[in-house]
Protein backbone atom coordinates (compact mmCIF):
# COMPACT_ATOMS: atom_id res chain seq x y z
CA MET A 1 59.06 83.97 157.27
CA PRO A 2 59.34 82.19 153.75
CA THR A 3 61.30 79.12 153.24
CA PRO A 4 65.07 79.96 152.24
CA VAL A 5 66.27 78.84 148.57
CA ALA A 6 69.61 77.40 148.34
CA GLY A 7 71.99 78.88 145.59
CA VAL A 8 75.56 79.18 144.87
CA VAL A 9 77.44 82.25 144.38
CA ALA A 10 78.38 82.74 140.66
CA ARG A 11 79.72 85.12 138.43
CA SER A 12 80.65 87.37 141.09
CA CYS A 13 83.50 88.57 139.06
CA GLY A 14 81.33 90.48 136.60
CA THR A 15 81.02 91.55 132.98
CA GLY A 16 84.81 91.67 131.72
CA THR A 17 85.93 90.47 135.21
CA ARG A 18 85.39 94.08 136.53
CA GLY A 19 83.63 92.68 139.86
CA ASP A 20 85.30 92.13 143.04
CA CYS A 21 84.85 88.23 142.74
CA PHE A 22 82.97 87.94 145.90
CA LEU A 23 79.54 88.56 147.33
CA SER A 24 79.16 91.03 150.25
CA VAL A 25 76.82 90.05 152.89
CA ARG A 26 75.69 93.46 154.24
CA SER A 27 73.63 94.21 157.42
CA ALA A 28 70.78 96.33 155.34
CA PRO A 29 70.23 96.67 151.67
CA SER A 30 72.87 99.63 151.13
CA ALA A 31 76.29 99.85 149.95
CA ASP A 32 77.05 102.01 152.90
CA ALA A 33 75.98 99.11 155.49
CA THR A 34 78.16 97.14 157.15
CA GLU A 35 79.74 93.90 155.67
CA LEU A 36 79.08 91.05 157.79
CA ASN A 37 80.84 88.56 155.62
CA ARG A 38 82.19 87.46 152.21
CA LEU A 39 81.04 84.60 150.30
CA ASP A 40 83.43 83.39 147.39
CA GLU A 41 82.42 81.88 144.00
CA GLY A 42 81.13 78.28 144.73
CA GLU A 43 79.90 79.21 148.00
CA GLU A 44 76.19 78.40 148.94
CA VAL A 45 74.01 81.03 149.88
CA ARG A 46 70.49 80.86 151.15
CA VAL A 47 68.07 83.61 149.98
CA VAL A 48 64.67 84.32 151.60
CA CYS A 49 63.23 86.92 149.36
CA THR A 50 64.13 90.14 147.37
CA VAL A 51 63.69 93.66 148.48
CA THR A 52 63.72 96.97 146.61
CA ALA A 53 66.32 99.46 148.07
CA GLU A 54 69.20 101.64 147.20
CA SER A 55 70.31 101.57 143.37
CA VAL A 56 73.60 100.27 143.06
CA ARG A 57 76.02 99.41 140.28
CA SER A 58 76.04 95.61 139.90
CA SER A 59 79.25 94.18 138.11
CA VAL A 60 77.56 91.23 137.17
CA LEU A 61 74.41 93.04 135.27
CA GLY A 62 76.66 95.57 133.85
CA ARG A 63 74.09 98.31 135.08
CA ARG A 64 72.32 99.69 137.77
CA THR A 65 70.02 97.72 140.03
CA SER A 66 67.93 98.31 143.07
CA ILE A 67 66.89 94.74 143.93
CA TRP A 68 68.74 93.21 146.78
CA ALA A 69 68.57 89.51 147.99
CA ARG A 70 67.88 89.16 151.67
CA THR A 71 69.73 86.10 153.01
């Protein structure tokens, strides 16, 4: 397994403050997957890799994306 990269949750409030202001940690890369945790702005997150999965609207990007971060 790859070495995780440490980062900080930022800009989760999205474009024009239309986001939810937290990062949902889910059991799978799907909006319907169980939410396991919520990380607030400034909290540390460790990303192992990215995966392509369900396309969802990103409040941060202001458009749809199918790239998910695996933590």
